Amino acid sequence: MGWWILLHHWWEDNNSKKKERYQKKSRIRKKMEDDVGEDLYRMMKTCKQTHASS
């Protein structure tokens, strides 16, 4: 019975670590996507401005 509890604790610990790593990764990915989105938006704005001025 005791080892089952230990195994369960190890499993929970392992899973939470995986979850944390995944959340960290997705947070970084989201930040990258946000940055790319901002860059795209800026590029579109400057394109429109150059087209309008010509």
PDB file of N, CA and C in Angstrom:
ATOM      1  N   MET A   1       0.829  -1.196   0.000  1.00  0.00           N
ATOM      2  CA  MET A   1       0.000   0.000   0.000  1.00  0.00           C
ATOM      3  C   MET A   1       0.869   1.254   0.000  1.00  0.00           C
ATOM      4  N   GLY A   2       1.955   1.218   0.815  1.00  0.00           N
ATOM      5  CA  GLY A   2       2.814   2.393   0.946  1.00  0.00           C
ATOM      6  C   GLY A   2       3.468   2.802  -0.367  1.00  0.00           C
ATOM      7  N   TRP A   3       3.972   1.808  -1.115  1.00  0.00           N
ATOM      8  CA  TRP A   3       4.668   2.138  -2.358  1.00  0.00           C
ATOM      9  C   TRP A   3       3.708   2.744  -3.380  1.00  0.00           C
ATOM     10  N   TRP A   4       2.447   2.332  -3.321  1.00  0.00           N
ATOM     11  CA  TRP A   4       1.443   2.865  -4.240  1.00  0.00           C
ATOM     12  C   TRP A   4       1.284   4.370  -4.027  1.00  0.00           C
ATOM     13  N   ILE A   5       1.276   4.779  -2.742  1.00  0.00           N
ATOM     14  CA  ILE A   5       1.160   6.203  -2.432  1.00  0.00           C
ATOM     15  C   ILE A   5       2.397   6.953  -2.939  1.00  0.00           C
ATOM     16  N   LEU A   6       3.577   6.340  -2.711  1.00  0.00           N
ATOM     17  CA  LEU A   6       4.813   6.955  -3.193  1.00  0.00           C
ATOM     18  C   LEU A   6       4.793   7.121  -4.706  1.00  0.00           C
ATOM     19  N   LEU A   7       4.351   6.060  -5.376  1.00  0.00           N
ATOM     20  CA  LEU A   7       4.269   6.103  -6.834  1.00  0.00           C
ATOM     21  C   LEU A   7       3.316   7.198  -7.283  1.00  0.00           C
ATOM     22  N   HIS A   8       2.193   7.291  -6.606  1.00  0.00           N
ATOM     23  CA  HIS A   8       1.208   8.308  -6.932  1.00  0.00           C
ATOM     24  C   HIS A   8       1.798   9.711  -6.762  1.00  0.00           C
ATOM     25  N   HIS A   9       2.517   9.919  -5.648  1.00  0.00           N
ATOM     26  CA  HIS A   9       3.142  11.218  -5.400  1.00  0.00           C
ATOM     27  C   HIS A   9       4.169  11.535  -6.483  1.00  0.00           C
ATOM     28  N   TRP A  10       4.964  10.530  -6.857  1.00  0.00           N
ATOM     29  CA  TRP A  10       5.972  10.737  -7.892  1.00  0.00           C
ATOM     30  C   TRP A  10       5.305  11.111  -9.210  1.00  0.00           C
ATOM     31  N   TRP A  11       4.218  10.408  -9.512  1.00  0.00           N
ATOM     32  CA  TRP A  11       3.478  10.642 -10.751  1.00  0.00           C
ATOM     33  C   TRP A  11       2.919  12.061 -10.782  1.00  0.00           C
ATOM     34  N   GLU A  12       2.307  12.471  -9.646  1.00  0.00           N
ATOM     35  CA  GLU A  12       1.757  13.827  -9.558  1.00  0.00           C
ATOM     36  C   GLU A  12       2.860  14.864  -9.737  1.00  0.00           C
ATOM     37  N   ASP A  13       3.980  14.655  -9.058  1.00  0.00           N
ATOM     38  CA  ASP A  13       5.110  15.581  -9.120  1.00  0.00           C
ATOM     39  C   ASP A  13       5.619  15.692 -10.546  1.00  0.00           C
ATOM     40  N   ASN A  14       5.780  14.554 -11.189  1.00  0.00           N
ATOM     41  CA  ASN A  14       6.274  14.500 -12.561  1.00  0.00           C
ATOM     42  C   ASN A  14       5.325  15.241 -13.497  1.00  0.00           C
ATOM     43  N   ASN A  15       4.047  14.995 -13.331  1.00  0.00           N
ATOM     44  CA  ASN A  15       3.050  15.634 -14.180  1.00  0.00           C
ATOM     45  C   ASN A  15       3.034  17.142 -14.000  1.00  0.00           C
ATOM     46  N   SER A  16       3.129  17.605 -12.753  1.00  0.00           N
ATOM     47  CA  SER A  16       3.088  19.046 -12.518  1.00  0.00           C
ATOM     48  C   SER A  16       4.327  19.715 -13.109  1.00  0.00           C
ATOM     49  N   LYS A  17       5.472  19.016 -13.061  1.00  0.00           N
ATOM     50  CA  LYS A  17       6.686  19.564 -13.670  1.00  0.00           C
ATOM     51  C   LYS A  17       6.506  19.673 -15.178  1.00  0.00           C
ATOM     52  N   LYS A  18       5.934  18.631 -15.782  1.00  0.00           N
ATOM     53  CA  LYS A  18       5.682  18.651 -17.225  1.00  0.00           C
ATOM     54  C   LYS A  18       4.754  19.800 -17.573  1.00  0.00           C
ATOM     55  N   LYS A  19       3.706  19.966 -16.767  1.00  0.00           N
ATOM     56  CA  LYS A  19       2.735  21.027 -17.005  1.00  0.00           C
ATOM     57  C   LYS A  19       3.404  22.393 -16.942  1.00  0.00           C
ATOM     58  N   GLU A  20       4.263  22.567 -15.917  1.00  0.00           N
ATOM     59  CA  GLU A  20       4.969  23.841 -15.769  1.00  0.00           C
ATOM     60  C   GLU A  20       5.826  24.122 -16.990  1.00  0.00           C
ATOM     61  N   ARG A  21       6.562  23.090 -17.436  1.00  0.00           N
ATOM     62  CA  ARG A  21       7.426  23.262 -18.602  1.00  0.00           C
ATOM     63  C   ARG A  21       6.595  23.633 -19.815  1.00  0.00           C
ATOM     64  N   TYR A  22       5.463  22.950 -19.977  1.00  0.00           N
ATOM     65  CA  TYR A  22       4.603  23.209 -21.121  1.00  0.00           C
ATOM     66  C   TYR A  22       4.059  24.630 -21.075  1.00  0.00           C
ATOM     67  N   GLN A  23       3.627  25.059 -19.856  1.00  0.00           N
ATOM     68  CA  GLN A  23       3.098  26.411 -19.719  1.00  0.00           C
ATOM     69  C   GLN A  23       4.166  27.447 -20.034  1.00  0.00           C
ATOM     70  N   LYS A  24       5.395  27.169 -19.582  1.00  0.00           N
ATOM     71  CA  LYS A  24       6.492  28.093 -19.860  1.00  0.00           C
ATOM     72  C   LYS A  24       6.699  28.192 -21.366  1.00  0.00           C
ATOM     73  N   LYS A  25       6.707  27.030 -22.038  1.00  0.00           N
ATOM     74  CA  LYS A  25       6.903  27.002 -23.483  1.00  0.00           C
ATOM     75  C   LYS A  25       5.798  27.778 -24.190  1.00  0.00           C
ATOM     76  N   SER A  26       4.557  27.508 -23.809  1.00  0.00           N
ATOM     77  CA  SER A  26       3.452  28.161 -24.502  1.00  0.00           C
ATOM     78  C   SER A  26       3.441  29.658 -24.211  1.00  0.00           C
ATOM     79  N   ARG A  27       3.921  30.043 -23.012  1.00  0.00           N
ATOM     80  CA  ARG A  27       4.013  31.472 -22.700  1.00  0.00           C
ATOM     81  C   ARG A  27       5.038  32.139 -23.611  1.00  0.00           C
ATOM     82  N   ILE A  28       6.184  31.461 -23.800  1.00  0.00           N
ATOM     83  CA  ILE A  28       7.227  32.006 -24.677  1.00  0.00           C
ATOM     84  C   ILE A  28       6.692  32.082 -26.103  1.00  0.00           C
ATOM     85  N   ARG A  29       6.004  31.015 -26.536  1.00  0.00           N
ATOM     86  CA  ARG A  29       5.460  30.989 -27.892  1.00  0.00           C
ATOM     87  C   ARG A  29       4.453  32.123 -28.075  1.00  0.00           C
ATOM     88  N   LYS A  30       3.614  32.311 -27.063  1.00  0.00           N
ATOM     89  CA  LYS A  30       2.608  33.372 -27.156  1.00  0.00           C
ATOM     90  C   LYS A  30       3.289  34.733 -27.260  1.00  0.00           C
ATOM     91  N   LYS A  31       4.347  34.924 -26.474  1.00  0.00           N
ATOM     92  CA  LYS A  31       5.064  36.191 -26.535  1.00  0.00           C
ATOM     93  C   LYS A  31       5.654  36.395 -27.927  1.00  0.00           C
ATOM     94  N   MET A  32       6.231  35.332 -28.483  1.00  0.00           N
ATOM     95  CA  MET A  32       6.798  35.426 -29.822  1.00  0.00           C
ATOM     96  C   MET A  32       5.707  35.775 -30.833  1.00  0.00           C
ATOM     97  N   GLU A  33       4.561  35.122 -30.717  1.00  0.00           N
ATOM     98  CA  GLU A  33       3.453  35.400 -31.624  1.00  0.00           C
ATOM     99  C   GLU A  33       3.000  36.841 -31.487  1.00  0.00           C
ATOM    100  N   ASP A  34       2.940  37.330 -30.240  1.00  0.00           N
ATOM    101  CA  ASP A  34       2.546  38.718 -30.017  1.00  0.00           C
ATOM    102  C   ASP A  34       3.537  39.664 -30.673  1.00  0.00           C
ATOM    103  N   ASP A  35       4.830  39.380 -30.495  1.00  0.00           N
ATOM    104  CA  ASP A  35       5.860  40.226 -31.093  1.00  0.00           C
ATOM    105  C   ASP A  35       5.748  40.221 -32.612  1.00  0.00           C
ATOM    106  N   VAL A  36       5.571  39.020 -33.179  1.00  0.00           N
ATOM    107  CA  VAL A  36       5.433  38.904 -34.633  1.00  0.00           C
ATOM    108  C   VAL A  36       4.201  39.679 -35.089  1.00  0.00           C
ATOM    109  N   GLY A  37       3.114  39.560 -34.338  1.00  0.00           N
ATOM    110  CA  GLY A  37       1.891  40.278 -34.666  1.00  0.00           C
ATOM    111  C   GLY A  37       2.119  41.783 -34.674  1.00  0.00           C
ATOM    112  N   GLU A  38       2.849  42.261 -33.678  1.00  0.00           N
ATOM    113  CA  GLU A  38       3.146  43.693 -33.610  1.00  0.00           C
ATOM    114  C   GLU A  38       3.982  44.127 -34.799  1.00  0.00           C
ATOM    115  N   ASP A  39       4.991  43.314 -35.135  1.00  0.00           N
ATOM    116  CA  ASP A  39       5.847  43.634 -36.276  1.00  0.00           C
ATOM    117  C   ASP A  39       5.029  43.692 -37.561  1.00  0.00           C
ATOM    118  N   LEU A  40       4.167  42.705 -37.753  1.00  0.00           N
ATOM    119  CA  LEU A  40       3.319  42.661 -38.937  1.00  0.00           C
ATOM    120  C   LEU A  40       2.449  43.905 -39.007  1.00  0.00           C
ATOM    121  N   TYR A  41       1.859  44.247 -37.874  1.00  0.00           N
ATOM    122  CA  TYR A  41       0.977  45.402 -37.805  1.00  0.00           C
ATOM    123  C   TYR A  41       1.738  46.675 -38.177  1.00  0.00           C
ATOM    124  N   ARG A  42       2.956  46.787 -37.631  1.00  0.00           N
ATOM    125  CA  ARG A  42       3.785  47.957 -37.914  1.00  0.00           C
ATOM    126  C   ARG A  42       4.123  48.019 -39.403  1.00  0.00           C
ATOM    127  N   MET A  43       4.485  46.850 -39.971  1.00  0.00           N
ATOM    128  CA  MET A  43       4.830  46.793 -41.388  1.00  0.00           C
ATOM    129  C   MET A  43       3.644  47.214 -42.244  1.00  0.00           C
ATOM    130  N   MET A  44       2.463  46.696 -41.901  1.00  0.00           N
ATOM    131  CA  MET A  44       1.262  47.046 -42.660  1.00  0.00           C
ATOM    132  C   MET A  44       0.998  48.542 -42.580  1.00  0.00           C
ATOM    133  N   LYS A  45       1.178  49.098 -41.378  1.00  0.00           N
ATOM    134  CA  LYS A  45       0.947  50.528 -41.203  1.00  0.00           C
ATOM    135  C   LYS A  45       1.911  51.351 -42.049  1.00  0.00           C
ATOM    136  N   THR A  46       3.195  50.985 -42.031  1.00  0.00           N
ATOM    137  CA  THR A  46       4.175  51.744 -42.811  1.00  0.00           C
ATOM    138  C   THR A  46       3.917  51.564 -44.301  1.00  0.00           C
ATOM    139  N   CYS A  47       3.485  50.369 -44.717  1.00  0.00           N
ATOM    140  CA  CYS A  47       3.150  50.131 -46.118  1.00  0.00           C
ATOM    141  C   CYS A  47       2.027  51.057 -46.549  1.00  0.00           C
ATOM    142  N   LYS A  48       0.990  51.120 -45.734  1.00  0.00           N
ATOM    143  CA  LYS A  48      -0.151  51.972 -46.051  1.00  0.00           C
ATOM    144  C   LYS A  48       0.279  53.429 -46.138  1.00  0.00           C
ATOM    145  N   GLN A  49       1.156  53.832 -45.208  1.00  0.00           N
ATOM    146  CA  GLN A  49       1.609  55.219 -45.198  1.00  0.00           C
ATOM    147  C   GLN A  49       2.406  55.538 -46.461  1.00  0.00           C
ATOM    148  N   THR A  50       3.300  54.634 -46.864  1.00  0.00           N
ATOM    149  CA  THR A  50       4.109  54.888 -48.053  1.00  0.00           C
ATOM    150  C   THR A  50       3.228  54.900 -49.295  1.00  0.00           C
ATOM    151  N   HIS A  51       2.227  54.009 -49.334  1.00  0.00           N
ATOM    152  CA  HIS A  51       1.309  53.983 -50.475  1.00  0.00           C
ATOM    153  C   HIS A  51       0.495  55.261 -50.531  1.00  0.00           C
ATOM    154  N   ALA A  52       0.075  55.723 -49.378  1.00  0.00           N
ATOM    155  CA  ALA A  52      -0.761  56.924 -49.332  1.00  0.00           C
ATOM    156  C   ALA A  52       0.043  58.148 -49.763  1.00  0.00           C
ATOM    157  N   SER A  53       1.304  58.198 -49.364  1.00  0.00           N
ATOM    158  CA  SER A  53       2.102  59.388 -49.669  1.00  0.00           C
ATOM    159  C   SER A  53       2.526  59.430 -51.132  1.00  0.00           C
ATOM    160  N   SER A  54       2.644  58.270 -51.799  1.00  0.00           N
ATOM    161  CA  SER A  54       3.107  58.258 -53.191  1.00  0.00           C
ATOM    162  C   SER A  54       2.005  58.667 -54.152  1.00  0.00           C
TER     163      SER A  54
END
